[in-house]
Protein backbone atom coordinates (compact mmCIF):
# COMPACT_ATOMS: atom_id res chain seq x y z
CA MET A 1 0.00 0.00 0.00
CA PHE A 2 1.52 3.28 -1.13
CA PHE A 3 0.74 6.81 0.05
CA ASN A 4 -0.28 7.83 -3.48
CA SER A 5 -2.58 4.85 -4.03
CA GLN A 6 -6.35 5.07 -4.14
CA VAL A 7 -6.68 2.41 -1.42
CA PHE A 8 -4.58 4.47 0.98
CA LEU A 9 -6.05 7.89 0.21
CA TYR A 10 -9.71 6.93 0.03
CA LEU A 11 -9.96 3.90 2.33
CA PHE A 12 -7.10 3.20 4.72
CA LEU A 13 -6.26 6.74 5.88
CA PRO A 14 -9.87 7.90 6.47
CA ALA A 15 -10.67 4.65 8.30
CA VAL A 16 -7.60 4.89 10.56
CA LEU A 17 -8.21 8.57 11.33
CA ALA A 18 -11.84 7.83 12.17
CA GLY A 19 -10.94 4.97 14.49
CA TYR A 20 -8.08 6.89 16.08
CA TYR A 21 -10.12 9.97 16.97
CA LEU A 22 -13.75 8.84 17.14
CA VAL A 23 -13.54 5.60 19.12
CA PRO A 24 -11.93 7.17 22.25
CA ALA A 25 -14.48 9.99 22.12
CA VAL A 26 -17.48 7.69 21.71
CA VAL A 27 -16.31 5.19 24.33
CA ARG A 28 -15.12 8.09 26.53
CA LEU A 29 -11.67 6.70 27.19
CA ARG A 30 -9.52 8.78 29.49
CA GLY A 31 -5.98 8.81 30.84
CA GLY A 32 -3.99 5.61 30.59
CA ALA A 33 -6.81 3.66 28.93
CA ARG A 34 -6.96 6.23 26.14
CA ARG A 35 -3.18 6.20 25.59
CA THR A 36 -3.12 2.40 25.50
CA PHE A 37 -5.95 2.27 22.99
CA LEU A 38 -4.36 4.88 20.70
CA ASN A 39 -1.01 3.08 20.69
CA ALA A 40 -2.55 -0.37 20.23
CA PHE A 41 -4.87 0.85 17.48
CA LEU A 42 -2.08 2.62 15.60
CA PHE A 43 0.27 -0.35 15.98
CA GLY A 44 -2.39 -2.71 14.62
CA ALA A 45 -3.12 -0.36 11.72
CA SER A 46 0.60 -0.12 10.94
CA VAL A 47 1.00 -3.90 10.88
CA LEU A 48 -2.00 -4.13 8.56
CA PHE A 49 -0.52 -1.38 6.36
CA TYR A 50 2.69 -3.38 5.89
CA ALA A 51 0.98 -6.76 5.57
CA TRP A 52 -1.33 -5.37 2.86
CA GLY A 53 1.46 -5.52 0.30
CA GLU A 54 4.06 -7.79 1.87
CA ARG A 55 1.76 -10.46 3.31
CA GLU A 56 3.79 -13.14 5.11
CA PHE A 57 6.94 -11.00 5.17
CA VAL A 58 5.37 -8.98 7.95
CA LEU A 59 6.25 -11.97 10.15
CA VAL A 60 9.94 -11.38 9.39
CA LEU A 61 9.74 -7.82 10.65
CA LEU A 62 7.68 -8.86 13.66
CA GLY A 63 10.28 -11.50 14.51
CA SER A 64 13.07 -8.95 14.22
CA LEU A 65 11.02 -6.60 16.40
CA VAL A 66 10.78 -9.21 19.17
CA VAL A 67 14.48 -10.08 19.03
CA ASN A 68 15.66 -6.45 19.04
CA TYR A 69 13.34 -5.69 21.96
CA GLY A 70 14.75 -8.62 23.92
CA LEU A 71 18.41 -7.91 23.12
CA ALA A 72 18.09 -4.21 23.94
CA GLY A 73 16.62 -5.22 27.28
CA ALA A 74 19.52 -7.63 27.80
CA ILE A 75 22.00 -4.80 27.14
CA GLY A 76 20.29 -2.68 29.78
CA ARG A 77 20.25 -5.50 32.34
CA GLN A 78 23.91 -6.36 31.79
CA GLN A 79 24.97 -2.73 32.12
CA ALA A 80 22.92 -2.42 35.31
CA ARG A 81 25.04 -5.27 36.69
CA GLY A 82 28.29 -3.53 35.76
CA ARG A 83 28.93 -5.43 32.52
CA SER A 84 29.48 -3.90 29.09
CA GLY A 85 26.56 -5.44 27.22
CA LYS A 86 28.72 -6.05 24.15
CA LEU A 87 27.51 -9.60 23.59
CA PRO A 88 23.79 -8.82 23.16
CA LEU A 89 24.76 -5.70 21.17
CA ALA A 90 26.83 -7.80 18.77
CA ALA A 91 24.00 -10.31 18.47
CA ALA A 92 21.51 -7.55 17.63
CA VAL A 93 23.76 -5.91 15.03
CA VAL A 94 24.60 -9.26 13.43
CA LEU A 95 20.91 -10.16 13.31
CA ASP A 96 19.86 -6.83 11.79
CA LEU A 97 22.64 -6.67 9.23
CA GLY A 98 22.25 -10.37 8.50
CA LEU A 99 18.58 -9.77 7.74
CA LEU A 100 19.54 -6.95 5.39
CA VAL A 101 22.27 -8.95 3.66
CA GLY A 102 20.11 -12.06 3.39
CA PHE A 103 17.22 -10.36 1.63
CA LYS A 104 18.94 -7.53 -0.20
CA TYR A 105 22.46 -8.62 -1.11
CA THR A 106 22.35 -12.40 -1.49
CA PRO A 107 21.49 -12.32 -5.24
CA PHE A 108 24.10 -9.57 -5.80
CA LEU A 109 26.82 -11.51 -4.01
CA ALA A 110 25.89 -14.76 -5.78
CA ALA A 111 25.89 -13.10 -9.20
CA ASN A 112 29.34 -11.58 -8.64
CA LEU A 113 30.69 -14.84 -7.24
CA SER A 114 29.31 -16.67 -10.28
CA ALA A 115 30.95 -14.18 -12.66
CA LEU A 116 34.29 -14.55 -10.85
CA SER A 117 34.02 -18.34 -10.85
CA GLU A 118 33.30 -18.49 -14.57
CA ALA A 119 36.14 -16.06 -15.33
CA LEU A 120 38.51 -18.42 -13.52
CA GLY A 121 37.14 -21.42 -15.39
CA GLY A 122 34.99 -22.68 -12.55
CA PRO A 123 31.31 -23.63 -12.44
CA ARG A 124 28.44 -21.19 -12.54
CA VAL A 125 27.02 -20.31 -9.12
CA PRO A 126 23.22 -20.35 -9.01
CA VAL A 127 21.69 -16.96 -8.25
CA PRO A 128 18.72 -17.27 -5.88
CA ASP A 129 15.54 -15.32 -6.51
CA VAL A 130 14.99 -13.56 -3.20
CA HIS A 131 12.07 -11.24 -2.60
CA LEU A 132 13.16 -7.91 -1.09
CA PRO A 133 10.66 -6.84 1.57
CA ILE A 134 9.76 -3.17 1.17
CA GLY A 135 11.44 -0.93 3.71
CA VAL A 136 13.91 -3.51 5.05
CA SER A 137 16.82 -1.04 4.71
CA PHE A 138 15.05 1.66 6.73
CA PHE A 139 13.79 -0.89 9.26
CA THR A 140 17.33 -2.23 9.73
CA PHE A 141 19.01 1.15 10.19
CA GLN A 142 16.36 2.20 12.67
CA ALA A 143 16.79 -0.99 14.70
CA VAL A 144 20.59 -0.68 14.68
CA SER A 145 20.43 2.95 15.83
CA TYR A 146 18.16 1.94 18.71
CA VAL A 147 20.34 -0.87 20.09
CA LEU A 148 23.48 1.26 19.68
CA ASP A 149 21.86 4.16 21.53
CA VAL A 150 20.86 1.78 24.33
CA TYR A 151 24.44 0.45 24.48
CA ARG A 152 25.83 3.99 24.59
CA ARG A 153 23.35 4.80 27.38
CA ASP A 154 21.89 7.60 25.27
CA VAL A 155 18.43 6.10 25.85
CA PRO A 156 17.11 3.49 28.28
CA PRO A 157 15.77 0.25 26.83
CA GLU A 158 12.03 0.51 26.25
CA ARG A 159 10.22 -1.84 28.62
CA ASP A 160 6.78 -1.47 27.09
CA PHE A 161 6.70 -3.79 24.07
CA LEU A 162 3.72 -1.96 22.60
CA LEU A 163 5.57 1.36 22.61
CA PHE A 164 8.65 -0.22 21.06
CA GLY A 165 6.52 -1.95 18.44
CA LEU A 166 4.81 1.31 17.56
CA TYR A 167 8.18 3.08 17.31
CA VAL A 168 9.41 0.56 14.76
CA PHE A 169 6.19 -0.14 12.83
CA LEU A 170 4.59 3.33 12.76
CA PHE A 171 3.32 3.31 9.18
CA PRO A 172 4.17 6.92 8.15
CA HIS A 173 7.92 6.20 8.30
CA LEU A 174 8.01 2.39 8.12
CA ILE A 175 8.81 1.70 4.47
CA ALA A 176 10.83 4.68 3.23
CA GLY A 177 11.82 6.75 6.22
CA PRO A 178 12.67 9.20 7.47
CA ILE A 179 14.87 7.14 9.78
CA VAL A 180 13.48 8.09 13.19
CA ARG A 181 15.70 8.00 16.29
CA TYR A 182 14.04 6.56 19.36
CA ARG A 183 15.15 9.47 21.54
CA ASP A 184 13.34 11.90 19.24
CA VAL A 185 9.93 10.26 19.69
CA ALA A 186 10.17 8.46 23.05
CA ASP A 187 8.10 11.07 24.88
CA GLN A 188 5.57 11.24 22.05
CA LEU A 189 5.14 7.46 22.12
CA ALA A 190 4.36 7.52 25.82
CA ASP A 191 1.94 10.44 25.69
CA ARG A 192 0.77 12.86 23.01
CA ALA A 193 -2.18 15.17 22.61
CA PRO A 194 -2.65 16.15 18.96
CA SER A 195 -3.93 19.69 18.56
CA LEU A 196 -6.05 21.13 15.76
CA ASP A 197 -3.11 23.28 14.66
CA GLN A 198 -0.83 20.26 14.52
CA PHE A 199 -3.42 18.30 12.55
CA ALA A 200 -3.82 21.22 10.10
CA ALA A 201 -0.04 21.42 9.70
CA GLY A 202 -0.06 17.70 8.96
CA VAL A 203 -2.69 18.14 6.27
CA ARG A 204 -0.62 20.91 4.71
CA ARG A 205 2.45 18.68 4.51
CA LEU A 206 0.40 15.77 3.20
CA VAL A 207 -1.07 17.95 0.43
CA ALA A 208 2.36 19.37 -0.46
CA GLY A 209 3.93 15.92 -0.61
CA LEU A 210 1.12 14.45 -2.68
CA ALA A 211 1.36 17.36 -5.12
CA LYS A 212 5.13 16.92 -5.42
CA LYS A 213 4.72 13.24 -6.21
CA VAL A 214 1.68 13.17 -8.49
CA LEU A 215 1.92 16.53 -10.23
CA ILE A 216 5.70 16.97 -10.54
CA ALA A 217 7.76 13.83 -9.92
CA ASP A 218 5.57 11.50 -11.98
CA THR A 219 5.41 14.08 -14.78
CA VAL A 220 9.15 14.64 -15.22
CA ALA A 221 9.66 10.89 -14.71
CA ARG A 222 8.09 10.24 -18.10
CA ALA A 223 10.75 12.29 -19.85
CA ALA A 224 13.54 10.74 -17.76
CA ASP A 225 12.32 7.21 -18.50
CA LEU A 226 12.14 7.94 -22.24
CA VAL A 227 15.72 9.20 -22.34
CA PHE A 228 17.13 6.36 -20.22
CA ALA A 229 15.33 3.89 -22.49
CA LEU A 230 17.01 5.22 -25.64
CA PRO A 231 19.68 3.02 -27.24
CA ALA A 232 23.19 4.36 -26.71
CA ALA A 233 23.52 5.06 -30.44
CA ASP A 234 20.48 7.36 -30.36
CA LEU A 235 21.64 9.42 -27.37
CA THR A 236 22.70 12.99 -28.06
CA PRO A 237 24.34 15.30 -25.51
CA SER A 238 21.18 17.41 -25.29
CA ALA A 239 18.99 14.36 -24.76
CA ALA A 240 21.38 12.98 -22.13
CA TRP A 241 21.41 16.28 -20.23
CA LEU A 242 17.63 16.54 -20.51
CA GLY A 243 17.20 13.02 -19.10
CA ALA A 244 19.65 13.71 -16.28
CA ALA A 245 17.97 17.03 -15.44
CA CYS A 246 14.52 15.44 -15.38
CA TYR A 247 15.75 12.52 -13.27
CA THR A 248 17.51 14.95 -10.89
CA LEU A 249 14.23 16.74 -10.35
CA GLN A 250 12.21 13.52 -10.27
CA ILE A 251 14.22 11.93 -7.49
CA TYR A 252 14.06 15.07 -5.35
CA PHE A 253 10.34 15.74 -5.75
CA ASP A 254 9.59 12.02 -5.42
CA PHE A 255 11.51 11.40 -2.22
CA SER A 256 10.95 14.79 -0.60
CA GLY A 257 7.27 14.38 -1.54
CA TYR A 258 7.19 11.07 0.32
CA SER A 259 9.00 12.63 3.30
CA ASP A 260 6.50 15.49 3.35
CA MET A 261 3.64 13.00 3.36
CA ALA A 262 5.31 10.94 6.10
CA ILE A 263 5.92 14.01 8.27
CA GLY A 264 2.39 15.25 7.60
CA LEU A 265 0.84 11.89 8.47
CA GLY A 266 2.90 11.79 11.65
CA LYS A 267 1.57 15.20 12.69
CA MET A 268 -2.00 14.07 12.01
CA PHE A 269 -1.48 11.37 14.65
CA GLY A 270 0.39 13.59 17.10
CA PHE A 271 4.02 12.88 16.14
CA ASP A 272 6.66 15.41 15.14
CA PHE A 273 9.37 13.88 12.94
CA ARG A 274 12.52 15.77 12.07
CA GLU A 275 12.83 17.32 8.63
CA ASN A 276 14.41 15.08 6.00
CA PHE A 277 15.14 17.68 3.29
CA ALA A 278 16.23 21.32 3.42
CA TYR A 279 16.22 22.41 -0.24
CA PRO A 280 19.35 20.46 -1.22
CA TYR A 281 19.61 21.85 -4.75
CA ALA A 282 20.20 25.28 -3.25
CA ALA A 283 23.40 23.97 -1.62
CA GLY A 284 26.64 25.77 -2.43
CA SER A 285 28.84 22.68 -2.02
CA VAL A 286 28.55 18.91 -1.91
CA THR A 287 29.25 19.03 1.83
CA GLU A 288 26.30 21.36 2.26
CA PHE A 289 24.24 19.18 -0.07
CA TRP A 290 24.63 16.26 2.30
CA ARG A 291 23.53 18.43 5.20
CA ARG A 292 20.33 19.12 3.28
CA TRP A 293 19.64 15.84 1.43
CA HIS A 294 18.03 12.83 3.15
CA ILE A 295 19.05 14.29 6.49
CA SER A 296 17.96 11.27 8.53
CA LEU A 297 20.31 9.03 6.50
CA SER A 298 23.24 11.46 6.33
CA THR A 299 23.13 12.01 10.10
CA TRP A 300 22.83 8.23 10.65
CA LEU A 301 25.93 7.64 8.52
CA ARG A 302 27.74 10.41 10.38
CA ASP A 303 26.84 9.24 13.89
CA TYR A 304 27.07 5.47 13.47
CA LEU A 305 29.74 5.07 10.79
CA PHE A 306 31.85 8.15 10.07
CA ILE A 307 32.46 9.20 13.69
CA PRO A 308 33.13 5.64 14.97
CA LEU A 309 35.68 5.27 12.13
CA GLY A 310 37.48 8.30 13.57
CA GLY A 311 35.59 11.12 11.87
CA SER A 312 37.77 14.14 11.23
CA ARG A 313 39.82 13.76 14.41
CA GLY A 314 42.89 12.29 12.72
CA SER A 315 45.11 13.40 9.87
CA ALA A 316 43.78 14.70 6.55
CA TRP A 317 44.44 11.28 4.98
CA GLN A 318 42.50 9.50 7.73
CA THR A 319 39.58 11.93 7.41
CA ASN A 320 39.46 11.44 3.65
CA ARG A 321 39.62 7.68 4.11
CA ASN A 322 36.72 7.78 6.56
CA LEU A 323 34.69 9.89 4.13
CA MET A 324 35.31 7.46 1.27
CA ILE A 325 34.38 4.42 3.38
CA THR A 326 31.22 6.11 4.66
CA MET A 327 30.00 7.24 1.25
CA THR A 328 30.87 3.95 -0.45
CA LEU A 329 28.88 1.99 2.12
CA GLY A 330 26.14 4.62 1.93
CA GLY A 331 25.95 4.05 -1.80
CA LEU A 332 25.81 0.28 -1.34
CA TRP A 333 23.01 0.71 1.22
CA HIS A 334 20.84 2.20 -1.51
CA GLY A 335 20.94 -0.87 -3.71
CA ALA A 336 22.65 -4.17 -4.45
CA ASN A 337 24.28 -3.03 -7.67
CA TRP A 338 27.66 -1.66 -8.68
CA THR A 339 26.06 1.53 -9.99
CA TYR A 340 25.09 2.49 -6.44
CA VAL A 341 28.62 1.77 -5.25
CA VAL A 342 29.99 4.05 -7.98
CA TRP A 343 27.45 6.71 -7.00
CA GLY A 344 28.67 6.55 -3.40
CA VAL A 345 32.34 6.63 -4.46
CA LEU A 346 31.73 9.67 -6.66
CA HIS A 347 30.12 11.53 -3.77
CA GLY A 348 33.02 10.52 -1.55
CA VAL A 349 35.46 11.94 -4.11
CA LEU A 350 33.43 15.16 -4.31
CA LEU A 351 33.40 15.50 -0.51
CA VAL A 352 37.15 14.94 -0.32
CA GLY A 353 37.69 17.37 -3.18
CA HIS A 354 35.58 20.01 -1.47
CA ARG A 355 37.61 19.68 1.72
CA GLN A 356 40.79 20.26 -0.26
CA PHE A 357 39.28 23.19 -2.16
CA ARG A 358 37.98 24.76 1.04
CA GLY A 359 41.45 24.61 2.59
CA TYR A 360 42.89 26.18 -0.57
CA CYS A 361 40.37 29.04 -0.41
CA GLU A 362 40.85 29.66 3.30
CA ALA A 363 44.53 30.28 2.61
CA ARG A 364 43.54 32.94 0.05
CA PRO A 365 41.18 35.46 1.73
CA ARG A 366 40.41 37.39 -1.46
CA LEU A 367 39.27 34.27 -3.30
CA ASP A 368 37.28 33.14 -0.28
CA ALA A 369 35.56 36.54 -0.05
CA ALA A 370 34.72 36.46 -3.76
CA LEU A 371 33.01 33.11 -3.37
CA GLN A 372 30.76 34.56 -0.66
CA THR A 373 29.39 37.31 -2.91
CA PRO A 374 26.00 36.82 -4.63
CA ALA A 375 27.75 35.99 -7.90
CA GLY A 376 30.12 33.60 -6.17
CA THR A 377 27.25 31.93 -4.32
CA ALA A 378 25.30 31.49 -7.55
CA ALA A 379 28.36 29.94 -9.19
CA ARG A 380 28.87 27.53 -6.29
CA VAL A 381 25.19 26.47 -6.38
CA LEU A 382 25.37 25.90 -10.14
CA VAL A 383 28.57 23.85 -9.96
CA THR A 384 27.17 21.76 -7.09
CA PHE A 385 23.93 21.14 -8.97
CA VAL A 386 25.80 20.01 -12.09
CA CYS A 387 28.06 17.67 -10.08
CA VAL A 388 25.09 16.14 -8.26
CA SER A 389 23.20 15.72 -11.55
CA LEU A 390 26.15 13.89 -13.10
CA CYS A 391 26.25 11.54 -10.11
CA TRP A 392 22.51 10.81 -10.30
CA VAL A 393 23.10 9.11 -13.66
CA PHE A 394 24.50 6.15 -11.70
CA PHE A 395 21.48 6.00 -9.40
CA ARG A 396 19.78 3.50 -11.69
CA PRO A 397 20.80 -0.18 -11.78
CA GLU A 398 21.81 -0.07 -15.46
CA TRP A 399 25.58 0.10 -15.74
CA GLY A 400 25.80 0.31 -19.54
CA LYS A 401 23.16 3.03 -19.75
CA ALA A 402 24.81 5.08 -16.99
CA VAL A 403 28.19 4.97 -18.75
CA ALA A 404 26.61 5.87 -22.10
CA MET A 405 24.65 8.75 -20.54
CA LEU A 406 27.70 10.14 -18.79
CA GLY A 407 29.76 9.83 -21.95
CA ARG A 408 27.22 11.83 -23.95
CA MET A 409 26.90 14.46 -21.21
CA VAL A 410 30.63 15.23 -21.22
CA SER A 411 31.04 15.03 -25.00
CA LEU A 412 29.79 18.54 -25.70
CA ALA A 413 31.96 18.75 -28.81
CA GLU A 414 29.40 16.58 -30.60
CA GLY A 415 26.93 19.42 -30.44
CA MET A 416 24.01 20.35 -28.26
CA SER A 417 21.14 20.24 -30.71
CA LEU A 418 17.82 20.90 -29.02
CA PRO A 419 14.88 19.56 -31.05
CA LEU A 420 11.73 21.66 -30.86
CA HIS A 421 9.71 18.91 -29.19
CA ASN A 422 12.23 18.79 -26.32
CA ARG A 423 12.17 22.49 -25.54
CA SER A 424 9.03 22.32 -23.46
CA LEU A 425 10.64 19.68 -21.26
CA TRP A 426 13.76 21.81 -20.86
CA TYR A 427 11.66 24.82 -19.95
CA THR A 428 9.66 22.72 -17.49
CA ALA A 429 12.81 21.40 -15.82
CA LEU A 430 14.31 24.88 -15.53
CA PHE A 431 11.03 26.28 -14.22
CA LEU A 432 10.80 23.60 -11.52
CA LEU A 433 14.39 24.21 -10.49
CA ALA A 434 13.76 27.97 -10.29
CA CYS A 435 10.66 27.36 -8.16
CA HIS A 436 12.67 25.10 -5.88
CA LEU A 437 15.31 27.79 -5.39
CA LEU A 438 12.65 30.44 -4.72
CA VAL A 439 10.99 28.26 -2.13
CA ALA A 440 14.41 27.60 -0.59
CA GLY A 441 14.60 31.33 0.04
CA GLY A 442 11.50 31.13 2.22
CA TYR A 443 9.21 33.28 0.08
CA TRP A 444 6.32 30.83 -0.08
CA GLN A 445 6.41 29.28 3.37
CA ARG A 446 4.82 32.35 4.96
CA PHE A 447 1.69 31.96 2.87
CA TRP A 448 1.60 28.18 3.16
CA ARG A 449 1.83 28.22 6.95
CA ARG A 450 -1.00 30.75 7.21
CA ALA A 451 -3.26 29.17 4.62
CA PRO A 452 -6.85 29.06 5.93
CA ALA A 453 -8.74 25.82 6.33
CA ALA A 454 -10.75 26.46 3.14
CA VAL A 455 -7.56 26.71 1.08
CA LEU A 456 -6.25 23.51 2.66
CA GLY A 457 -9.49 21.72 1.88
CA VAL A 458 -9.44 22.86 -1.73
CA GLY A 459 -5.78 21.91 -2.07
CA TYR A 460 -6.38 18.46 -0.65
CA ALA A 461 -9.37 17.97 -2.96
CA VAL A 462 -7.34 19.06 -5.99
CA CYS A 463 -4.50 16.68 -5.13
CA LEU A 464 -6.87 13.77 -4.54
CA THR A 465 -8.60 14.49 -7.85
CA ALA A 466 -5.26 14.73 -9.62
CA ALA A 467 -4.19 11.44 -8.06
CA MET A 468 -7.36 9.79 -9.34
CA VAL A 469 -7.25 11.34 -12.82
CA LEU A 470 -3.52 11.25 -13.51
CA ALA A 471 -2.79 7.97 -11.75
CA PRO A 472 -5.93 5.83 -11.58
CA ASP A 473 -3.79 2.76 -10.94
CA GLY A 474 -1.94 4.35 -8.04
CA GLY A 475 0.76 6.05 -10.09
CA LYS A 476 4.47 5.34 -10.09
CA THR A 477 5.99 3.68 -7.06
CA PHE A 478 8.08 5.93 -4.85
CA ILE A 479 11.73 5.56 -5.87
CA TYR A 480 13.02 4.85 -2.37
CA PHE A 481 10.60 1.98 -1.85
CA THR A 482 13.08 -0.19 -3.78
CA PHE A 483 15.80 0.48 -1.19
């Protein structure tokens, strides 16, 4: 069940909202009884939400839930007795990462082992057909962050299994993030009192996210898919750049649209999740881009991988090494394919290169001052956007197509012919990018935050109608559902 599907928008969400708010009022539940009902009802709805599409695989996540709950409790008990708790921590991490490797990377590892075996004259290794449960990557990272935080004594182990189950299974963030830290929602799990203002803010975010997905992401996706489907011989530099530009916009509006919907849905049920995007295409460097893009993942990689590796505390070489390891593994997390590894490596190289360039500029005050001027800022944003767009070419699991696209994009000497029928797509892509940069400046948020209820109702109705008309079959799947 997807957030942009008719079943979710017209059946599941209204039914869950009605049960969540009307039942306690009709039955007149108060205090602890009301809190228990709300948590139990929302947990049950979340399990149903996941089981709707994944069926028996919900048992895998439930089993992992039970084991992580038990091992986190074991860590707390051992530490209370003066022990380290390393054994149950290791068991939990091995279980979580083993679950991820088993479902996500087994076919990838088998295929590469088979290719190596055949190259050496050995037998072909069978490649198993393993179903990848939706959201297993996000589920795993969230579970690992929880047990590590318990081990570090940043949070106490949750004793109430229902609260822990709701933390993990809460349907707004279950299948594609944002990756929610337990410490950020612990108090909200125990007790929350949704207000009308919070609910209205949730509706606003839901409408904005749905519009991003249905009206923008799915629209530019058609152009991106057409270009990526072209044979390499038919690719021109202009077509390659058009496809990359459309895909760059598609992936942002698709994933930030999902995050907006997730945050909005959370607010409608009384939860406040942290922001997951902060206008990343307005970033003036790749370092800043990663502070703005998929913030829940970038901070997870920083806190649980980069810093434990040594962070930036050592020499320049050690810092650069830690950056490369972090980004390479971050790329591999996105998908079991070499294209994702290359994407991560490229971002690692860009981050290392930016560190070197920043040091060069700091030693030259006049150059550094020039880069802070409006013209310098615009140049930095443009260069960053182009670099990120080039990297996105590898964010599809088609190695040959990615290489061909990149080759055409850098071969400007072949000409940049722009056929008339492509101009409208170019203009659309540039218009969307300009709108994104304007919004990044904060010019539209003032109106959106103060929009009256009538405007919100009309906006929601328009988005629902657009979802039904433009995507009667539920539309395109969210890109990050495959991760």
